[in-house]
C-alpha atoms as a PDB file:
ATOM      1  CA  MET A   1     -23.448  18.139 -97.271  1.00  0.00           C
ATOM      2  CA  LYS A   2     -26.994  19.365 -97.174  1.00  0.00           C
ATOM      3  CA  ASN A   3     -28.712  17.171 -99.480  1.00  0.00           C
ATOM      4  CA  ARG A   4     -29.891  19.554-103.209  1.00  0.00           C
ATOM      5  CA  GLY A   5     -32.900  20.663-103.248  1.00  0.00           C
ATOM      6  CA  SER A   6     -33.681  20.164 -98.894  1.00  0.00           C
ATOM      7  CA  LYS A   7     -34.838  23.163 -97.453  1.00  0.00           C
ATOM      8  CA  ARG A   8     -34.536  24.801 -93.830  1.00  0.00           C
ATOM      9  CA  GLN A   9     -37.994  24.400 -92.311  1.00  0.00           C
ATOM     10  CA  VAL A  10     -38.523  26.306 -88.562  1.00  0.00           C
ATOM     11  CA  GLN A  11     -41.332  26.760 -86.162  1.00  0.00           C
ATOM     12  CA  GLY A  12     -42.243  30.248 -84.948  1.00  0.00           C
ATOM     13  CA  THR A  13     -44.816  32.876 -83.736  1.00  0.00           C
ATOM     14  CA  ILE A  14     -46.599  35.848 -86.151  1.00  0.00           C
ATOM     15  CA  THR A  15     -45.793  38.984 -84.345  1.00  0.00           C
ATOM     16  CA  SER A  16     -46.491  41.486 -87.093  1.00  0.00           C
ATOM     17  CA  ASP A  17     -49.201  41.025 -89.647  1.00  0.00           C
ATOM     18  CA  LYS A  18     -49.718  44.649 -91.025  1.00  0.00           C
ATOM     19  CA  MET A  19     -47.736  44.039 -94.290  1.00  0.00           C
ATOM     20  CA  ASP A  20     -49.676  43.346 -96.787  1.00  0.00           C
ATOM     21  CA  LYS A  21     -49.060  39.408 -97.855  1.00  0.00           C
ATOM     22  CA  THR A  22     -46.115  39.671 -95.197  1.00  0.00           C
ATOM     23  CA  VAL A  23     -45.578  38.617 -91.869  1.00  0.00           C
ATOM     24  CA  VAL A  24     -42.802  39.143 -88.936  1.00  0.00           C
ATOM     25  CA  VAL A  25     -42.073  35.476 -87.648  1.00  0.00           C
ATOM     26  CA  LEU A  26     -40.062  35.043 -83.909  1.00  0.00           C
ATOM     27  CA  VAL A  27     -38.205  31.907 -84.113  1.00  0.00           C
ATOM     28  CA  GLU A  28     -36.388  31.396 -80.295  1.00  0.00           C
ATOM     29  CA  ARG A  29     -33.493  28.998 -80.252  1.00  0.00           C
ATOM     30  CA  ILE A  30     -32.234  27.091 -77.088  1.00  0.00           C
ATOM     31  CA  VAL A  31     -28.414  26.689 -77.148  1.00  0.00           C
ATOM     32  CA  LYS A  32     -26.022  25.917 -74.896  1.00  0.00           C
ATOM     33  CA  HIS A  33     -23.510  28.476 -73.361  1.00  0.00           C
ATOM     34  CA  LYS A  34     -19.801  27.650 -73.790  1.00  0.00           C
ATOM     35  CA  LEU A  35     -18.487  28.713 -70.311  1.00  0.00           C
ATOM     36  CA  TYR A  36     -21.408  28.463 -68.528  1.00  0.00           C
ATOM     37  CA  LYS A  37     -22.903  25.374 -69.432  1.00  0.00           C
ATOM     38  CA  LYS A  38     -26.070  26.897 -69.078  1.00  0.00           C
ATOM     39  CA  TYR A  39     -28.792  27.047 -71.916  1.00  0.00           C
ATOM     40  CA  VAL A  40     -29.893  30.358 -72.925  1.00  0.00           C
ATOM     41  CA  LYS A  41     -32.809  31.298 -75.350  1.00  0.00           C
ATOM     42  CA  ARG A  42     -31.771  33.055 -78.189  1.00  0.00           C
ATOM     43  CA  HIS A  43     -34.206  34.761 -81.099  1.00  0.00           C
ATOM     44  CA  ALA A  44     -34.307  36.122 -84.657  1.00  0.00           C
ATOM     45  CA  LYS A  45     -37.693  37.641 -86.672  1.00  0.00           C
ATOM     46  CA  PHE A  46     -37.777  36.800 -89.733  1.00  0.00           C
ATOM     47  CA  ALA A  47     -40.102  38.477 -92.787  1.00  0.00           C
ATOM     48  CA  ALA A  48     -42.264  35.436 -94.789  1.00  0.00           C
ATOM     49  CA  HIS A  49     -44.712  35.531 -97.666  1.00  0.00           C
ATOM     50  CA  ASP A  50     -48.484  34.807 -96.669  1.00  0.00           C
ATOM     51  CA  GLU A  51     -50.144  34.460 -99.886  1.00  0.00           C
ATOM     52  CA  ALA A  52     -53.165  34.188 -98.837  1.00  0.00           C
ATOM     53  CA  ASN A  53     -53.551  36.673 -96.156  1.00  0.00           C
ATOM     54  CA  GLU A  54     -54.525  34.068 -93.111  1.00  0.00           C
ATOM     55  CA  CYS A  55     -51.783  34.478 -90.764  1.00  0.00           C
ATOM     56  CA  LYS A  56     -53.231  36.589 -87.616  1.00  0.00           C
ATOM     57  CA  VAL A  57     -50.877  37.914 -84.842  1.00  0.00           C
ATOM     58  CA  GLY A  58     -50.168  35.022 -82.295  1.00  0.00           C
ATOM     59  CA  ASP A  59     -50.608  32.238 -85.301  1.00  0.00           C
ATOM     60  CA  LYS A  60     -47.641  29.071 -84.848  1.00  0.00           C
ATOM     61  CA  VAL A  61     -46.979  28.664 -87.564  1.00  0.00           C
ATOM     62  CA  ILE A  62     -43.577  26.602 -90.033  1.00  0.00           C
ATOM     63  CA  ILE A  63     -41.759  29.111 -92.602  1.00  0.00           C
ATOM     64  CA  THR A  64     -39.743  27.078 -95.854  1.00  0.00           C
ATOM     65  CA  GLU A  65     -36.759  28.961 -97.219  1.00  0.00           C
ATOM     66  CA  SER A  66     -37.824  30.349-100.510  1.00  0.00           C
ATOM     67  CA  ARG A  67     -35.640  32.149-102.834  1.00  0.00           C
ATOM     68  CA  PRO A  68     -35.247  36.006-102.597  1.00  0.00           C
ATOM     69  CA  LEU A  69     -38.567  37.218-102.551  1.00  0.00           C
ATOM     70  CA  SER A  70     -37.586  40.861-101.841  1.00  0.00           C
ATOM     71  CA  LYS A  71     -35.527  42.844 -99.764  1.00  0.00           C
ATOM     72  CA  MET A  72     -36.177  41.106 -96.754  1.00  0.00           C
ATOM     73  CA  LYS A  73     -38.451  37.962 -97.067  1.00  0.00           C
ATOM     74  CA  ARG A  74     -36.391  34.881 -98.181  1.00  0.00           C
ATOM     75  CA  TYR A  75     -39.229  32.900 -96.311  1.00  0.00           C
ATOM     76  CA  ARG A  76     -42.714  31.618 -97.502  1.00  0.00           C
ATOM     77  CA  VAL A  77     -45.936  30.299 -94.853  1.00  0.00           C
ATOM     78  CA  SER A  78     -45.942  26.946 -95.232  1.00  0.00           C
ATOM     79  CA  LYS A  79     -48.151  25.739 -92.637  1.00  0.00           C
ATOM     80  CA  ILE A  80     -50.389  26.902 -89.984  1.00  0.00           C
ATOM     81  CA  VAL A  81     -49.555  24.658 -86.832  1.00  0.00           C
ATOM     82  CA  GLU A  82     -51.992  25.895 -84.163  1.00  0.00           C
ATOM     83  CA  LYS A  83     -54.414  29.148 -85.108  1.00  0.00           C
ATOM     84  CA  ALA A  84     -53.745  31.691 -81.954  1.00  0.00           C
ATOM     85  CA  VAL A  85     -57.206  32.292 -79.216  1.00  0.00           C
END
């Protein structure tokens, strides 16, 4: 059981910053295939809230789960780990 108040945090790369106060974050993870036992990359895109519009394409960020902010946004940008060059 998950502790009350603990929110999911994932790290990903920004793929789009064209919207106002919203960025699209690509999160990659590696999973083991059940039958072939080979590691496979899986990815998901999340729309995240960026209040200050400070994130740019290519930045590595940590996003945190939050209450629904719009139809698509369920995450907030909590920290910029690495700026794009």
